[in-house]
């Protein structure tokens, strides 16, 4: 119950609002100082703690008043992108026309091309070969040589044979 907003307030109404039994001793100064029960800080109207106390300070006091607190939580998602190291694997031959490995067995290679990889430090089956140092453009030319060894790649630049490939 809320105490009246105007007019006369009885001591018994204040006792009832605070939940103090009618047979207990009661002082208005002690009540407004929170001596019996704490004054509800959320009540829109409450008595001052200054003395002397007056009945009019209790107008519209609501001991059971509650507030609703809305909490907004913002979730921050952090995305970490891990970039694989781009390894330099060495120079490999091109044919006289500048094409890498169209026929590893025919000879005629005279110009080198740099080869890179993100998933292998040395060339072997399963290694993906890239044409640039950023490892973003794959070599899908099927056959590489360093004049002593040969490597075959598929259309995705992945080595599927090494050592004996002659396309």
Protein backbone atom coordinates (compact mmCIF):
# COMPACT_ATOMS: atom_id res chain seq x y z
CA UNK A 1 0.00 0.00 0.00
CA UNK A 2 1.19 3.55 -0.64
CA UNK A 3 0.63 6.29 1.91
CA UNK A 4 -1.77 9.07 0.87
CA UNK A 5 -0.42 11.89 -1.31
CA UNK A 6 -2.26 14.58 0.64
CA UNK A 7 -4.50 15.11 3.65
CA UNK A 8 -4.05 13.53 7.05
CA UNK A 9 -1.70 10.58 7.65
CA UNK A 10 -2.06 8.55 10.85
CA UNK A 11 0.94 7.03 12.71
CA UNK A 12 -0.80 3.66 12.36
CA UNK A 13 -0.66 4.03 8.54
CA UNK A 14 3.10 4.66 8.67
CA UNK A 15 3.55 1.62 10.98
CA UNK A 16 1.52 -0.55 8.60
CA UNK A 17 3.47 0.69 5.57
CA UNK A 18 6.79 -0.13 7.30
CA UNK A 19 5.48 -3.48 8.61
CA UNK A 20 5.91 -2.54 12.30
CA UNK A 21 3.39 -4.21 14.69
CA UNK A 22 0.95 -1.83 16.38
CA UNK A 23 1.97 -2.91 19.93
CA UNK A 24 5.70 -2.07 19.34
CA UNK A 25 7.15 1.25 20.49
CA UNK A 26 7.26 3.74 17.61
CA UNK A 27 9.03 7.07 17.04
CA UNK A 28 8.61 9.10 13.87
CA UNK A 29 12.28 10.29 14.09
CA UNK A 30 13.53 6.69 14.45
CA UNK A 31 11.30 5.54 11.55
CA UNK A 32 12.50 8.22 9.11
CA UNK A 33 16.15 7.54 10.10
CA UNK A 34 15.65 3.85 9.17
CA UNK A 35 15.90 2.71 12.81
CA UNK A 36 13.16 0.05 12.46
CA UNK A 37 13.55 -0.90 8.81
CA UNK A 38 15.53 0.71 6.03
CA UNK A 39 13.66 3.34 4.06
CA UNK A 40 13.02 2.15 0.51
CA UNK A 41 15.41 4.23 -1.63
CA UNK A 42 13.37 3.43 -4.77
CA UNK A 43 10.10 4.93 -3.53
CA UNK A 44 9.37 8.01 -5.66
CA UNK A 45 8.63 9.90 -2.42
CA UNK A 46 10.39 9.27 0.89
CA UNK A 47 10.93 11.08 4.20
CA UNK A 48 14.11 13.08 4.74
CA UNK A 49 16.55 11.90 7.36
CA UNK A 50 16.71 15.35 8.95
CA UNK A 51 15.12 15.92 12.34
CA UNK A 52 12.67 16.91 13.59
CA UNK A 53 10.45 14.55 11.66
CA UNK A 54 7.06 15.57 10.34
CA UNK A 55 4.06 13.59 9.18
CA UNK A 56 3.97 15.43 5.82
CA UNK A 57 7.37 13.90 4.88
CA UNK A 58 5.61 10.55 4.50
CA UNK A 59 3.21 11.65 1.74
CA UNK A 60 3.18 9.07 -1.14
CA UNK A 61 5.86 6.89 0.49
CA UNK A 62 5.66 3.28 -0.79
CA UNK A 63 7.78 0.85 1.20
CA UNK A 64 7.23 -1.97 -1.33
CA UNK A 65 7.98 0.06 -4.45
CA UNK A 66 10.30 -1.71 -6.88
CA UNK A 67 11.97 -0.64 -10.05
CA UNK A 68 12.66 -2.60 -13.16
CA UNK A 69 16.22 -2.40 -14.36
CA UNK A 70 16.83 -3.17 -17.99
CA UNK A 71 20.34 -4.30 -18.72
CA UNK A 72 21.52 -4.31 -22.30
CA UNK A 73 24.50 -6.52 -22.96
CA UNK A 74 26.55 -6.08 -26.08
CA UNK A 75 28.57 -9.07 -27.18
CA UNK A 76 31.77 -8.36 -29.03
CA UNK A 77 33.05 -11.07 -31.28
CA UNK A 78 36.70 -11.03 -32.16
CA UNK A 79 37.74 -12.88 -35.26
CA UNK A 80 41.36 -13.81 -35.59
CA UNK A 81 42.58 -14.62 -39.05
CA UNK A 82 45.74 -16.64 -39.19
CA UNK A 83 47.64 -16.38 -42.40
CA UNK A 84 49.93 -19.27 -43.20
CA UNK A 85 53.52 -18.42 -43.94
CA UNK A 86 54.29 -18.30 -47.63
CA UNK A 87 57.49 -20.28 -48.16
CA UNK A 88 59.84 -19.67 -51.07
CA UNK A 89 60.60 -23.07 -52.59
CA UNK A 90 63.11 -22.03 -55.24
CA UNK A 91 63.47 -21.42 -58.97
CA UNK A 92 61.99 -23.89 -61.43
CA UNK A 93 62.38 -24.05 -65.17
CA UNK A 94 60.29 -22.61 -67.95
CA UNK A 95 60.51 -23.72 -71.53
CA UNK A 96 61.89 -21.46 -74.28
CA UNK A 97 58.44 -19.89 -74.75
CA UNK A 98 58.26 -19.01 -71.04
CA UNK A 99 55.68 -21.67 -70.20
CA UNK A 100 56.34 -23.62 -67.04
CA UNK A 101 56.51 -27.36 -67.54
CA UNK A 102 54.35 -28.10 -70.56
CA UNK A 103 56.58 -31.09 -71.26
CA UNK A 104 59.20 -31.76 -68.61
CA UNK A 105 60.85 -34.46 -70.65
CA UNK A 106 61.61 -32.44 -73.80
CA UNK A 107 64.36 -30.14 -72.49
CA UNK A 108 64.84 -26.59 -73.77
CA UNK A 109 64.32 -24.94 -70.36
CA UNK A 110 66.30 -21.73 -70.00
CA UNK A 111 64.35 -19.32 -67.77
CA UNK A 112 63.62 -19.74 -64.06
CA UNK A 113 60.33 -19.10 -62.27
CA UNK A 114 59.93 -18.62 -58.50
CA UNK A 115 57.67 -21.10 -56.71
CA UNK A 116 56.07 -20.66 -53.25
CA UNK A 117 53.88 -22.68 -50.86
CA UNK A 118 51.84 -22.16 -47.66
CA UNK A 119 51.61 -25.80 -46.62
CA UNK A 120 55.09 -27.19 -47.23
CA UNK A 121 58.66 -26.06 -46.79
CA UNK A 122 59.96 -28.58 -49.34
CA UNK A 123 58.22 -29.97 -52.40
CA UNK A 124 56.51 -33.33 -52.14
CA UNK A 125 53.15 -34.96 -52.76
CA UNK A 126 50.31 -32.85 -51.31
CA UNK A 127 52.31 -29.62 -51.48
CA UNK A 128 50.41 -26.72 -53.12
CA UNK A 129 52.56 -24.58 -55.42
CA UNK A 130 51.92 -20.85 -55.88
CA UNK A 131 53.10 -18.45 -58.58
CA UNK A 132 53.44 -15.39 -56.33
CA UNK A 133 55.10 -14.53 -53.01
CA UNK A 134 51.68 -13.76 -51.49
CA UNK A 135 50.64 -17.38 -52.12
CA UNK A 136 47.37 -16.38 -53.74
CA UNK A 137 47.81 -17.60 -57.33
CA UNK A 138 48.40 -21.34 -57.82
CA UNK A 139 50.61 -22.95 -60.45
CA UNK A 140 48.45 -25.39 -62.34
CA UNK A 141 50.80 -26.11 -65.24
CA UNK A 142 51.23 -29.82 -64.45
CA UNK A 143 55.00 -30.31 -64.60
CA UNK A 144 57.98 -28.57 -62.95
CA UNK A 145 61.68 -29.34 -63.10
CA UNK A 146 64.90 -28.06 -61.64
CA UNK A 147 66.71 -30.10 -64.34
CA UNK A 148 67.43 -32.98 -61.94
CA UNK A 149 63.98 -33.64 -60.39
CA UNK A 150 60.42 -33.36 -61.69
CA UNK A 151 57.09 -32.52 -59.97
CA UNK A 152 53.58 -32.98 -61.37
CA UNK A 153 50.65 -30.82 -60.18
CA UNK A 154 46.91 -31.01 -60.68
CA UNK A 155 44.68 -28.13 -61.79
CA UNK A 156 44.69 -26.76 -58.21
CA UNK A 157 48.48 -26.60 -58.07
CA UNK A 158 48.77 -29.60 -55.71
CA UNK A 159 51.76 -31.92 -56.30
CA UNK A 160 50.61 -35.51 -56.91
CA UNK A 161 53.90 -37.03 -58.10
CA UNK A 162 57.51 -36.14 -57.67
CA UNK A 163 60.73 -37.55 -58.98
CA UNK A 164 59.66 -39.16 -62.24
CA UNK A 165 56.86 -37.15 -63.83
CA UNK A 166 57.11 -36.55 -67.58
CA UNK A 167 53.89 -35.21 -69.11
